[in-house]
Amino acid sequence: MSAADVGVALAEAERYAAEAAAEARRPRAERQRAGRASFMPDPDVEAADCAARVVEWRRVAALMTAQGWAAYEPENDVVGHRCAVEYDAWRQTTLERLQQDEQEQRDAAEEIRAEVWLNAESSRRVRALCSRFGVSPERLLAQVAEHTRPGDGGTVTVTPFTPG
């Protein structure tokens, strides 16, 4: 990126930052009346992001001047390179966390929560098993469900397991 390109990017960032700062200064009610869409970024956050971009472009321009570079080469910018590596690591972690959250939401949508009323004899058997294996009734019944399989001829089979 040439020094002229950096200058253009800096000027563009300064213009956008000024617009974002002006938007952030407008009262919230006025912004809502203007039909600001709910999916648009928060004006204060957007103004801060724009200001940070201006600071970064100014840093790059000053670095180029101080080093006598005709063109900006990111790999020669120690600070910029370190920030880019940190950003990439943060982005990767954030994406992985987002994917994990999405998977947990999909899993939760498939979960079944059930309240079960058992007759007295079934309750005694469940309590005896819970006492013997040191598990709660909820945990025991969940494990029974985990080991349940369709059997032959429309039956249900519970594969042998040790509760725990």
N, C-alpha and C. Protein backbone atom coordinates (compact mmCIF):
# COMPACT_ATOMS: atom_id res chain seq x y z
N MET A 1 0.86 -1.16 0.00
CA MET A 1 0.00 0.00 0.00
C MET A 1 0.90 1.22 0.00
N SER A 2 0.68 2.10 -0.95
CA SER A 2 1.53 3.29 -1.08
C SER A 2 1.17 4.32 -0.02
N ALA A 3 2.06 5.30 0.13
CA ALA A 3 1.81 6.38 1.09
C ALA A 3 0.54 7.15 0.70
N ALA A 4 0.31 7.30 -0.59
CA ALA A 4 -0.90 8.00 -1.06
C ALA A 4 -2.14 7.20 -0.67
N ASP A 5 -2.07 5.87 -0.82
CA ASP A 5 -3.20 5.02 -0.44
C ASP A 5 -3.49 5.11 1.05
N VAL A 6 -2.40 5.16 1.84
CA VAL A 6 -2.58 5.30 3.29
C VAL A 6 -3.24 6.63 3.60
N GLY A 7 -2.82 7.67 2.91
CA GLY A 7 -3.43 9.00 3.10
C GLY A 7 -4.91 9.00 2.76
N VAL A 8 -5.26 8.34 1.67
CA VAL A 8 -6.67 8.24 1.27
C VAL A 8 -7.46 7.45 2.32
N ALA A 9 -6.90 6.34 2.78
CA ALA A 9 -7.58 5.53 3.80
C ALA A 9 -7.75 6.31 5.08
N LEU A 10 -6.73 7.08 5.47
CA LEU A 10 -6.82 7.90 6.68
C LEU A 10 -7.90 8.96 6.53
N ALA A 11 -7.94 9.64 5.40
CA ALA A 11 -8.96 10.67 5.18
C ALA A 11 -10.36 10.07 5.21
N GLU A 12 -10.51 8.91 4.61
CA GLU A 12 -11.81 8.23 4.61
C GLU A 12 -12.20 7.81 6.03
N ALA A 13 -11.25 7.30 6.78
CA ALA A 13 -11.52 6.91 8.16
C ALA A 13 -11.90 8.12 9.01
N GLU A 14 -11.21 9.24 8.80
CA GLU A 14 -11.53 10.47 9.56
C GLU A 14 -12.93 10.97 9.22
N ARG A 15 -13.30 10.93 7.94
CA ARG A 15 -14.64 11.36 7.53
C ARG A 15 -15.71 10.47 8.18
N TYR A 16 -15.50 9.16 8.10
CA TYR A 16 -16.47 8.23 8.66
C TYR A 16 -16.53 8.36 10.18
N ALA A 17 -15.39 8.58 10.82
CA ALA A 17 -15.35 8.76 12.28
C ALA A 17 -16.12 10.01 12.68
N ALA A 18 -15.99 11.09 11.90
CA ALA A 18 -16.72 12.31 12.20
C ALA A 18 -18.24 12.08 12.09
N GLU A 19 -18.65 11.35 11.06
CA GLU A 19 -20.08 11.03 10.89
C GLU A 19 -20.57 10.16 12.05
N ALA A 20 -19.79 9.18 12.43
CA ALA A 20 -20.18 8.28 13.52
C ALA A 20 -20.26 9.04 14.85
N ALA A 21 -19.31 9.93 15.09
CA ALA A 21 -19.33 10.72 16.32
C ALA A 21 -20.55 11.64 16.35
N ALA A 22 -20.89 12.22 15.21
CA ALA A 22 -22.08 13.08 15.14
C ALA A 22 -23.34 12.27 15.42
N GLU A 23 -23.40 11.07 14.88
CA GLU A 23 -24.57 10.18 15.12
C GLU A 23 -24.65 9.80 16.59
N ALA A 24 -23.51 9.54 17.20
CA ALA A 24 -23.49 9.14 18.61
C ALA A 24 -23.94 10.28 19.53
N ARG A 25 -23.70 11.53 19.09
CA ARG A 25 -24.10 12.69 19.91
C ARG A 25 -25.59 12.98 19.83
N ARG A 26 -26.26 12.46 18.79
CA ARG A 26 -27.70 12.70 18.67
C ARG A 26 -28.44 11.98 19.79
N PRO A 27 -29.47 12.61 20.35
CA PRO A 27 -30.25 11.94 21.40
C PRO A 27 -30.87 10.64 20.87
N ARG A 28 -30.97 9.67 21.74
CA ARG A 28 -31.51 8.35 21.35
C ARG A 28 -32.90 8.47 20.73
N ALA A 29 -33.75 9.29 21.32
CA ALA A 29 -35.12 9.43 20.79
C ALA A 29 -35.09 9.96 19.36
N GLU A 30 -34.20 10.89 19.10
CA GLU A 30 -34.08 11.45 17.75
C GLU A 30 -33.60 10.39 16.76
N ARG A 31 -32.66 9.55 17.20
CA ARG A 31 -32.18 8.48 16.32
C ARG A 31 -33.29 7.49 16.02
N GLN A 32 -34.12 7.18 17.03
CA GLN A 32 -35.22 6.24 16.83
C GLN A 32 -36.26 6.82 15.88
N ARG A 33 -36.55 8.12 16.01
CA ARG A 33 -37.51 8.75 15.10
C ARG A 33 -37.00 8.75 13.67
N ALA A 34 -35.69 8.78 13.51
CA ALA A 34 -35.11 8.81 12.17
C ALA A 34 -35.17 7.44 11.51
N GLY A 35 -35.68 6.45 12.23
CA GLY A 35 -35.85 5.13 11.64
C GLY A 35 -34.59 4.29 11.65
N ARG A 36 -33.76 4.47 12.65
CA ARG A 36 -32.53 3.67 12.76
C ARG A 36 -32.92 2.22 12.95
N ALA A 37 -32.44 1.36 12.07
CA ALA A 37 -32.78 -0.06 12.12
C ALA A 37 -32.16 -0.72 13.35
N SER A 38 -32.88 -1.68 13.92
CA SER A 38 -32.43 -2.33 15.15
C SER A 38 -31.16 -3.14 14.95
N PHE A 39 -30.89 -3.59 13.72
CA PHE A 39 -29.71 -4.40 13.46
C PHE A 39 -28.45 -3.56 13.28
N MET A 40 -28.59 -2.24 13.23
CA MET A 40 -27.42 -1.37 13.05
C MET A 40 -26.62 -1.34 14.34
N PRO A 41 -25.31 -1.15 14.23
CA PRO A 41 -24.48 -1.14 15.43
C PRO A 41 -24.82 0.03 16.35
N ASP A 42 -24.54 -0.14 17.62
CA ASP A 42 -24.76 0.92 18.60
C ASP A 42 -23.90 2.12 18.19
N PRO A 43 -24.47 3.33 18.14
CA PRO A 43 -23.72 4.50 17.67
C PRO A 43 -22.47 4.79 18.51
N ASP A 44 -22.53 4.59 19.81
CA ASP A 44 -21.36 4.85 20.65
C ASP A 44 -20.23 3.86 20.34
N VAL A 45 -20.59 2.60 20.16
CA VAL A 45 -19.60 1.58 19.82
C VAL A 45 -19.03 1.86 18.43
N GLU A 46 -19.89 2.20 17.50
CA GLU A 46 -19.44 2.50 16.14
C GLU A 46 -18.50 3.70 16.13
N ALA A 47 -18.81 4.74 16.90
CA ALA A 47 -17.94 5.92 16.98
C ALA A 47 -16.58 5.55 17.56
N ALA A 48 -16.57 4.72 18.61
CA ALA A 48 -15.30 4.29 19.21
C ALA A 48 -14.49 3.46 18.23
N ASP A 49 -15.14 2.57 17.49
CA ASP A 49 -14.45 1.75 16.49
C ASP A 49 -13.84 2.63 15.39
N CYS A 50 -14.60 3.61 14.95
CA CYS A 50 -14.11 4.51 13.91
C CYS A 50 -12.92 5.33 14.41
N ALA A 51 -13.01 5.81 15.63
CA ALA A 51 -11.90 6.57 16.21
C ALA A 51 -10.64 5.69 16.30
N ALA A 52 -10.81 4.42 16.65
CA ALA A 52 -9.67 3.52 16.73
C ALA A 52 -9.06 3.30 15.35
N ARG A 53 -9.89 3.23 14.31
CA ARG A 53 -9.35 3.07 12.95
C ARG A 53 -8.52 4.28 12.55
N VAL A 54 -9.01 5.48 12.92
CA VAL A 54 -8.27 6.71 12.61
C VAL A 54 -6.90 6.68 13.30
N VAL A 55 -6.91 6.31 14.58
CA VAL A 55 -5.65 6.23 15.33
C VAL A 55 -4.69 5.26 14.65
N GLU A 56 -5.20 4.11 14.22
CA GLU A 56 -4.34 3.11 13.57
C GLU A 56 -3.79 3.62 12.24
N TRP A 57 -4.64 4.26 11.42
CA TRP A 57 -4.14 4.79 10.15
C TRP A 57 -3.12 5.89 10.38
N ARG A 58 -3.32 6.70 11.41
CA ARG A 58 -2.31 7.74 11.74
C ARG A 58 -1.00 7.08 12.18
N ARG A 59 -1.09 6.00 12.94
CA ARG A 59 0.11 5.29 13.38
C ARG A 59 0.86 4.74 12.18
N VAL A 60 0.13 4.16 11.22
CA VAL A 60 0.75 3.61 10.02
C VAL A 60 1.42 4.72 9.21
N ALA A 61 0.73 5.85 9.05
CA ALA A 61 1.30 6.97 8.29
C ALA A 61 2.57 7.49 8.98
N ALA A 62 2.53 7.62 10.30
CA ALA A 62 3.71 8.10 11.04
C ALA A 62 4.85 7.10 10.94
N LEU A 63 4.55 5.81 11.02
CA LEU A 63 5.58 4.77 10.89
C LEU A 63 6.24 4.83 9.53
N MET A 64 5.42 4.99 8.49
CA MET A 64 5.97 5.06 7.14
C MET A 64 6.90 6.26 6.99
N THR A 65 6.49 7.38 7.56
CA THR A 65 7.32 8.59 7.49
C THR A 65 8.60 8.39 8.27
N ALA A 66 8.49 7.87 9.49
CA ALA A 66 9.66 7.68 10.35
C ALA A 66 10.65 6.68 9.74
N GLN A 67 10.16 5.64 9.10
CA GLN A 67 11.02 4.60 8.53
C GLN A 67 11.45 4.92 7.10
N GLY A 68 10.82 5.94 6.51
CA GLY A 68 11.15 6.30 5.14
C GLY A 68 10.62 5.31 4.12
N TRP A 69 9.52 4.64 4.46
CA TRP A 69 8.96 3.64 3.55
C TRP A 69 8.13 4.31 2.46
N ALA A 70 8.28 3.87 1.25
CA ALA A 70 7.44 4.36 0.15
C ALA A 70 6.12 3.60 0.12
N ALA A 71 6.15 2.39 0.66
CA ALA A 71 4.95 1.56 0.69
C ALA A 71 4.85 0.87 2.04
N TYR A 72 3.64 0.65 2.48
CA TYR A 72 3.42 -0.03 3.76
C TYR A 72 3.42 -1.53 3.52
N GLU A 73 4.28 -2.21 4.25
CA GLU A 73 4.37 -3.66 4.19
C GLU A 73 4.02 -4.19 5.58
N PRO A 74 2.85 -4.80 5.75
CA PRO A 74 2.42 -5.24 7.09
C PRO A 74 3.44 -6.13 7.80
N GLU A 75 4.15 -6.96 7.05
CA GLU A 75 5.10 -7.87 7.71
C GLU A 75 6.28 -7.12 8.33
N ASN A 76 6.53 -5.87 7.91
CA ASN A 76 7.61 -5.06 8.48
C ASN A 76 7.14 -4.24 9.68
N ASP A 77 5.86 -4.23 9.92
CA ASP A 77 5.27 -3.45 11.03
C ASP A 77 5.12 -4.37 12.23
N VAL A 78 6.05 -4.26 13.18
CA VAL A 78 6.06 -5.15 14.34
C VAL A 78 4.77 -5.01 15.14
N VAL A 79 4.36 -3.79 15.42
CA VAL A 79 3.15 -3.55 16.22
C VAL A 79 1.92 -4.04 15.46
N GLY A 80 1.81 -3.66 14.21
CA GLY A 80 0.66 -4.08 13.41
C GLY A 80 0.60 -5.58 13.24
N HIS A 81 1.76 -6.21 13.05
CA HIS A 81 1.80 -7.67 12.90
C HIS A 81 1.34 -8.35 14.19
N ARG A 82 1.86 -7.86 15.33
CA ARG A 82 1.47 -8.45 16.62
C ARG A 82 -0.04 -8.28 16.84
N CYS A 83 -0.56 -7.11 16.54
CA CYS A 83 -2.00 -6.87 16.70
C CYS A 83 -2.81 -7.78 15.78
N ALA A 84 -2.32 -7.98 14.57
CA ALA A 84 -3.03 -8.85 13.61
C ALA A 84 -3.04 -10.29 14.11
N VAL A 85 -1.91 -10.74 14.66
CA VAL A 85 -1.85 -12.11 15.19
C VAL A 85 -2.80 -12.25 16.37
N GLU A 86 -2.78 -11.26 17.28
CA GLU A 86 -3.68 -11.30 18.43
C GLU A 86 -5.14 -11.27 17.99
N TYR A 87 -5.44 -10.44 16.99
CA TYR A 87 -6.81 -10.36 16.48
C TYR A 87 -7.24 -11.69 15.87
N ASP A 88 -6.35 -12.29 15.09
CA ASP A 88 -6.69 -13.58 14.47
C ASP A 88 -6.96 -14.64 15.54
N ALA A 89 -6.15 -14.66 16.60
CA ALA A 89 -6.36 -15.62 17.69
C ALA A 89 -7.69 -15.34 18.39
N TRP A 90 -7.97 -14.06 18.66
CA TRP A 90 -9.24 -13.69 19.30
C TRP A 90 -10.41 -14.08 18.41
N ARG A 91 -10.29 -13.80 17.12
CA ARG A 91 -11.37 -14.11 16.17
C ARG A 91 -11.62 -15.61 16.12
N GLN A 92 -10.55 -16.40 16.07
CA GLN A 92 -10.70 -17.85 16.01
C GLN A 92 -11.38 -18.37 17.27
N THR A 93 -10.95 -17.88 18.43
CA THR A 93 -11.56 -18.29 19.70
C THR A 93 -13.03 -17.89 19.74
N THR A 94 -13.33 -16.69 19.27
CA THR A 94 -14.71 -16.21 19.25
C THR A 94 -15.57 -17.06 18.32
N LEU A 95 -15.05 -17.39 17.15
CA LEU A 95 -15.81 -18.23 16.21
C LEU A 95 -16.04 -19.62 16.79
N GLU A 96 -15.02 -20.19 17.43
CA GLU A 96 -15.18 -21.51 18.04
C GLU A 96 -16.22 -21.46 19.16
N ARG A 97 -16.20 -20.40 19.97
CA ARG A 97 -17.17 -20.25 21.05
C ARG A 97 -18.58 -20.09 20.47
N LEU A 98 -18.70 -19.33 19.39
CA LEU A 98 -19.99 -19.15 18.73
C LEU A 98 -20.51 -20.48 18.19
N GLN A 99 -19.64 -21.25 17.55
CA GLN A 99 -20.05 -22.56 17.04
C GLN A 99 -20.47 -23.48 18.17
N GLN A 100 -19.74 -23.43 19.28
CA GLN A 100 -20.07 -24.26 20.44
C GLN A 100 -21.44 -23.84 21.00
N ASP A 101 -21.67 -22.52 21.12
CA ASP A 101 -22.95 -22.04 21.62
C ASP A 101 -24.09 -22.46 20.69
N GLU A 102 -23.88 -22.37 19.39
CA GLU A 102 -24.91 -22.77 18.43
C GLU A 102 -25.20 -24.27 18.55
N GLN A 103 -24.14 -25.08 18.72
CA GLN A 103 -24.35 -26.52 18.89
C GLN A 103 -25.12 -26.81 20.18
N GLU A 104 -24.77 -26.10 21.25
CA GLU A 104 -25.48 -26.29 22.51
C GLU A 104 -26.96 -25.91 22.38
N GLN A 105 -27.23 -24.85 21.60
CA GLN A 105 -28.63 -24.45 21.38
C GLN A 105 -29.36 -25.52 20.57
N ARG A 106 -28.70 -26.07 19.54
CA ARG A 106 -29.33 -27.14 18.76
C ARG A 106 -29.58 -28.35 19.64
N ASP A 107 -28.60 -28.70 20.48
CA ASP A 107 -28.76 -29.84 21.38
C ASP A 107 -29.89 -29.59 22.37
N ALA A 108 -29.94 -28.38 22.91
CA ALA A 108 -30.98 -28.06 23.90
C ALA A 108 -32.37 -28.13 23.27
N ALA A 109 -32.47 -27.78 22.00
CA ALA A 109 -33.77 -27.84 21.32
C ALA A 109 -34.26 -29.28 21.19
N GLU A 110 -33.33 -30.23 21.20
CA GLU A 110 -33.69 -31.64 21.06
C GLU A 110 -33.87 -32.34 22.40
N GLU A 111 -33.54 -31.65 23.49
CA GLU A 111 -33.67 -32.27 24.80
C GLU A 111 -35.14 -32.40 25.20
N ILE A 112 -35.40 -33.37 26.05
CA ILE A 112 -36.74 -33.55 26.59
C ILE A 112 -36.67 -33.39 28.10
N ARG A 113 -37.51 -32.54 28.62
CA ARG A 113 -37.63 -32.40 30.07
C ARG A 113 -38.98 -33.01 30.43
N ALA A 114 -38.95 -33.94 31.35
CA ALA A 114 -40.18 -34.65 31.70
C ALA A 114 -40.32 -34.75 33.22
N GLU A 115 -41.52 -34.60 33.67
CA GLU A 115 -41.84 -34.85 35.07
C GLU A 115 -42.60 -36.17 35.08
N VAL A 116 -42.09 -37.12 35.83
CA VAL A 116 -42.64 -38.47 35.81
C VAL A 116 -43.25 -38.81 37.16
N TRP A 117 -44.47 -39.30 37.13
CA TRP A 117 -45.13 -39.78 38.34
C TRP A 117 -45.15 -41.30 38.26
N LEU A 118 -44.52 -41.93 39.23
CA LEU A 118 -44.46 -43.39 39.26
C LEU A 118 -45.38 -43.92 40.35
N ASN A 119 -45.96 -45.10 40.10
CA ASN A 119 -46.78 -45.70 41.16
C ASN A 119 -45.87 -46.11 42.31
N ALA A 120 -46.47 -46.55 43.40
CA ALA A 120 -45.71 -46.84 44.62
C ALA A 120 -44.68 -47.94 44.41
N GLU A 121 -45.05 -49.01 43.74
CA GLU A 121 -44.10 -50.11 43.56
C GLU A 121 -42.93 -49.70 42.68
N SER A 122 -43.20 -49.00 41.58
CA SER A 122 -42.11 -48.52 40.72
C SER A 122 -41.22 -47.53 41.46
N SER A 123 -41.84 -46.68 42.28
CA SER A 123 -41.08 -45.72 43.07
C SER A 123 -40.14 -46.42 44.05
N ARG A 124 -40.63 -47.48 44.69
CA ARG A 124 -39.77 -48.23 45.62
C ARG A 124 -38.58 -48.86 44.90
N ARG A 125 -38.83 -49.41 43.71
CA ARG A 125 -37.73 -50.02 42.95
C ARG A 125 -36.70 -48.95 42.55
N VAL A 126 -37.18 -47.81 42.10
CA VAL A 126 -36.27 -46.72 41.71
C VAL A 126 -35.47 -46.25 42.92
N ARG A 127 -36.15 -46.05 44.08
CA ARG A 127 -35.43 -45.61 45.28
C ARG A 127 -34.40 -46.63 45.73
N ALA A 128 -34.73 -47.91 45.64
CA ALA A 128 -33.79 -48.95 46.04
C ALA A 128 -32.56 -48.94 45.13
N LEU A 129 -32.79 -48.81 43.83
CA LEU A 129 -31.66 -48.76 42.89
C LEU A 129 -30.80 -47.51 43.13
N CYS A 130 -31.46 -46.40 43.38
CA CYS A 130 -30.72 -45.15 43.63
C CYS A 130 -29.87 -45.29 44.88
N SER A 131 -30.44 -45.89 45.91
CA SER A 131 -29.70 -46.09 47.16
C SER A 131 -28.51 -47.01 46.92
N ARG A 132 -28.72 -48.07 46.18
CA ARG A 132 -27.67 -49.06 45.93
C ARG A 132 -26.52 -48.47 45.12
N PHE A 133 -26.85 -47.64 44.10
CA PHE A 133 -25.81 -47.13 43.21
C PHE A 133 -25.40 -45.69 43.50
N GLY A 134 -26.05 -45.06 44.48
CA GLY A 134 -25.66 -43.70 44.87
C GLY A 134 -25.95 -42.64 43.83
N VAL A 135 -27.09 -42.76 43.15
CA VAL A 135 -27.49 -41.76 42.16
C VAL A 135 -28.86 -41.22 42.51
N SER A 136 -29.19 -40.08 41.95
CA SER A 136 -30.52 -39.51 42.17
C SER A 136 -31.53 -40.21 41.26
N PRO A 137 -32.81 -40.14 41.61
CA PRO A 137 -33.83 -40.73 40.73
C PRO A 137 -33.79 -40.13 39.32
N GLU A 138 -33.57 -38.82 39.24
CA GLU A 138 -33.52 -38.17 37.93
C GLU A 138 -32.38 -38.73 37.10
N ARG A 139 -31.21 -38.90 37.74
CA ARG A 139 -30.04 -39.42 37.02
C ARG A 139 -30.26 -40.87 36.59
N LEU A 140 -30.83 -41.67 37.47
CA LEU A 140 -31.09 -43.07 37.15
C LEU A 140 -32.05 -43.18 35.96
N LEU A 141 -33.14 -42.43 36.00
CA LEU A 141 -34.11 -42.52 34.91
C LEU A 141 -33.52 -41.99 33.59
N ALA A 142 -32.67 -40.97 33.70
CA ALA A 142 -32.02 -40.45 32.49
C ALA A 142 -31.10 -41.52 31.90
N GLN A 143 -30.38 -42.25 32.76
CA GLN A 143 -29.48 -43.30 32.28
C GLN A 143 -30.28 -44.47 31.70
N VAL A 144 -31.41 -44.79 32.30
CA VAL A 144 -32.26 -45.83 31.73
C VAL A 144 -32.67 -45.41 30.31
N ALA A 145 -33.07 -44.14 30.16
CA ALA A 145 -33.48 -43.66 28.84
C ALA A 145 -32.31 -43.72 27.85
N GLU A 146 -31.09 -43.41 28.32
CA GLU A 146 -29.92 -43.45 27.44
C GLU A 146 -29.64 -44.87 26.94
N HIS A 147 -30.00 -45.87 27.72
CA HIS A 147 -29.71 -47.26 27.37
C HIS A 147 -30.91 -47.98 26.73
N THR A 148 -31.96 -47.25 26.45
CA THR A 148 -33.15 -47.82 25.85
C THR A 148 -32.99 -47.92 24.35
N ARG A 149 -33.38 -49.09 23.80
CA ARG A 149 -33.30 -49.34 22.36
C ARG A 149 -34.59 -50.01 21.90
N PRO A 150 -34.95 -49.81 20.65
CA PRO A 150 -36.11 -50.54 20.13
C PRO A 150 -35.79 -52.04 20.07
N GLY A 151 -36.72 -52.85 20.53
CA GLY A 151 -36.53 -54.30 20.48
C GLY A 151 -37.29 -54.91 19.32
N ASP A 152 -37.32 -56.21 19.28
CA ASP A 152 -38.04 -56.93 18.23
C ASP A 152 -39.54 -56.89 18.50
N GLY A 153 -40.31 -56.86 17.45
CA GLY A 153 -41.76 -56.97 17.57
C GLY A 153 -42.41 -55.83 18.33
N GLY A 154 -41.85 -54.62 18.25
CA GLY A 154 -42.47 -53.47 18.89
C GLY A 154 -42.19 -53.37 20.38
N THR A 155 -41.17 -54.05 20.86
CA THR A 155 -40.83 -53.98 22.28
C THR A 155 -39.73 -52.95 22.51
N VAL A 156 -39.49 -52.66 23.78
CA VAL A 156 -38.42 -51.75 24.17
C VAL A 156 -37.42 -52.56 25.00
N THR A 157 -36.14 -52.37 24.72
CA THR A 157 -35.09 -53.08 25.42
C THR A 157 -34.17 -52.08 26.11
N VAL A 158 -33.78 -52.39 27.34
CA VAL A 158 -32.79 -51.58 28.05
C VAL A 158 -31.52 -52.41 28.12
N THR A 159 -30.47 -51.90 27.50
CA THR A 159 -29.20 -52.64 27.53
C THR A 159 -28.64 -52.57 28.95
N PRO A 160 -28.01 -53.65 29.41
CA PRO A 160 -27.46 -53.66 30.76
C PRO A 160 -26.42 -52.56 30.95
N PHE A 161 -26.44 -51.92 32.12
CA PHE A 161 -25.47 -50.87 32.44
C PHE A 161 -25.37 -50.76 33.96
N THR A 162 -24.32 -50.12 34.40
CA THR A 162 -24.14 -49.85 35.82
C THR A 162 -24.38 -48.37 36.04
N PRO A 163 -25.41 -48.02 36.78
CA PRO A 163 -25.70 -46.58 37.02
C PRO A 163 -24.52 -45.92 37.73
N GLY A 164 -24.35 -44.69 37.41
CA GLY A 164 -23.27 -43.94 38.05
C GLY A 164 -23.29 -42.50 37.70
